[in-house]
Protein backbone atom coordinates (compact mmCIF):
# COMPACT_ATOMS: atom_id res chain seq x y z
CA LYS A 1 8.14 0.31 -11.05
CA ASP A 2 8.61 1.39 -14.67
CA THR A 3 7.66 -2.10 -15.85
CA ILE A 4 4.41 -1.96 -13.86
CA ILE A 5 3.54 1.46 -15.27
CA LYS A 6 4.20 0.34 -18.85
CA LYS A 7 2.38 -2.97 -18.46
CA TYR A 8 -0.76 -1.46 -16.96
CA ASN A 9 -0.55 2.03 -18.54
CA PHE A 10 -1.37 3.92 -15.32
CA GLY A 11 0.53 7.03 -16.22
CA SER A 12 2.27 8.61 -13.25
CA ILE A 13 2.61 6.81 -9.92
CA PRO A 14 4.27 8.66 -7.01
CA THR A 15 7.80 7.71 -5.96
CA THR A 16 7.49 4.11 -4.83
CA ASN A 17 9.39 2.79 -1.80
CA ALA A 18 7.94 -0.74 -1.64
CA ILE A 19 6.27 -3.21 -4.00
CA PHE A 20 4.57 -6.30 -2.61
CA VAL A 21 2.61 -9.03 -4.42
CA ASP A 22 0.28 -10.93 -2.11
CA ASP A 23 -1.04 -14.49 -2.35
CA GLU A 24 -4.04 -13.26 -4.40
CA GLN A 25 -1.68 -11.65 -6.94
CA ILE A 26 -2.70 -8.15 -5.89
CA ILE A 27 0.18 -5.71 -6.32
CA TRP A 28 0.58 -3.31 -3.38
CA LEU A 29 2.62 -0.13 -3.77
CA GLY A 30 3.98 1.82 -0.81
CA THR A 31 4.65 5.33 -2.06
CA ILE A 32 5.55 8.74 -0.72
CA ASN A 33 1.83 9.56 -1.01
CA GLY A 34 0.49 6.41 0.65
CA LEU A 35 -0.81 2.97 -0.25
CA TYR A 36 -2.00 1.88 -3.69
CA LYS A 37 -3.12 -1.48 -4.99
CA ILE A 38 -3.37 -2.90 -8.47
CA LYS A 39 -6.15 -5.48 -8.79
CA ASN A 40 -7.83 -6.58 -12.01
CA ASN A 41 -5.77 -4.02 -13.96
CA GLU A 42 -7.18 -1.18 -11.85
CA LEU A 43 -5.04 1.19 -9.78
CA VAL A 44 -6.74 2.08 -6.46
CA PHE A 45 -5.50 4.68 -3.96
CA LEU A 46 -6.48 3.53 -0.47
CA GLY A 47 -5.81 6.94 1.09
CA LYS A 48 -9.14 8.14 -0.32
CA THR A 49 -11.13 5.95 2.05
CA GLU A 50 -8.68 5.67 4.95
CA PRO A 51 -6.81 8.94 5.69
CA ILE A 52 -3.86 7.33 7.52
CA LEU A 53 -3.06 5.40 4.32
CA LYS A 54 -2.26 8.62 2.45
CA PHE A 55 1.07 9.10 4.20
CA ARG A 56 4.49 7.76 3.21
CA ILE A 57 4.80 3.95 3.24
CA ASN A 58 8.38 2.66 3.44
CA ASP A 59 7.88 -1.11 3.47
CA ILE A 60 5.13 -3.72 3.09
CA ASN A 61 4.84 -7.28 4.36
CA GLN A 62 1.98 -9.65 5.10
CA VAL A 63 0.92 -11.91 7.97
CA ASP A 64 -2.35 -13.79 7.46
CA ASN A 65 -4.93 -11.29 6.16
CA TYR A 66 -2.97 -8.25 7.35
CA LEU A 67 -0.60 -6.08 5.42
CA ILE A 68 2.04 -4.68 7.75
CA LEU A 69 3.05 -1.20 6.66
CA ALA A 70 6.12 0.63 7.92
CA THR A 71 5.59 4.39 7.79
CA ASN A 72 7.37 7.69 8.40
CA GLY A 73 5.89 9.21 11.55
CA ASN A 74 2.73 7.10 11.75
CA GLY A 75 4.24 3.98 13.31
CA ILE A 76 3.36 0.52 12.09
CA ILE A 77 0.01 0.10 10.36
CA PHE A 78 -1.86 -3.20 10.16
CA PHE A 79 -4.28 -3.18 7.23
CA ASN A 80 -6.87 -5.96 7.15
CA LYS A 81 -7.24 -6.86 3.48
CA LYS A 82 -10.62 -8.56 3.99
CA ASN A 83 -12.56 -5.79 5.77
CA GLN A 84 -10.14 -2.89 5.07
CA GLN A 85 -9.91 -1.91 8.75
CA VAL A 86 -6.74 -0.21 9.96
CA TYR A 87 -4.90 -0.69 13.26
CA THR A 88 -1.84 1.30 14.25
CA ILE A 89 1.08 0.93 16.65
CA ASN A 90 2.76 4.25 17.36
CA SER A 91 6.08 4.74 19.07
CA ALA A 92 6.04 6.58 22.39
């Protein structure tokens, strides 16, 4: 995390639980405050446009065009990277 902050000079990034680099070389950060991405040297907080993405993300993986996000209390989130739609699976 410190290397990413120094390389891109983003200042402060919330406590990060997961870092994932996808096949397009986009860096995804799962933090205590939600999901961020670094693309073209720009840090973007996805919780601004999709409220469920502003909660704690514990782990990130990818299958096809979907990021699979493990959360605290919000189940599993599938985030479509192409159209930015969100699908959730909640535990009963």
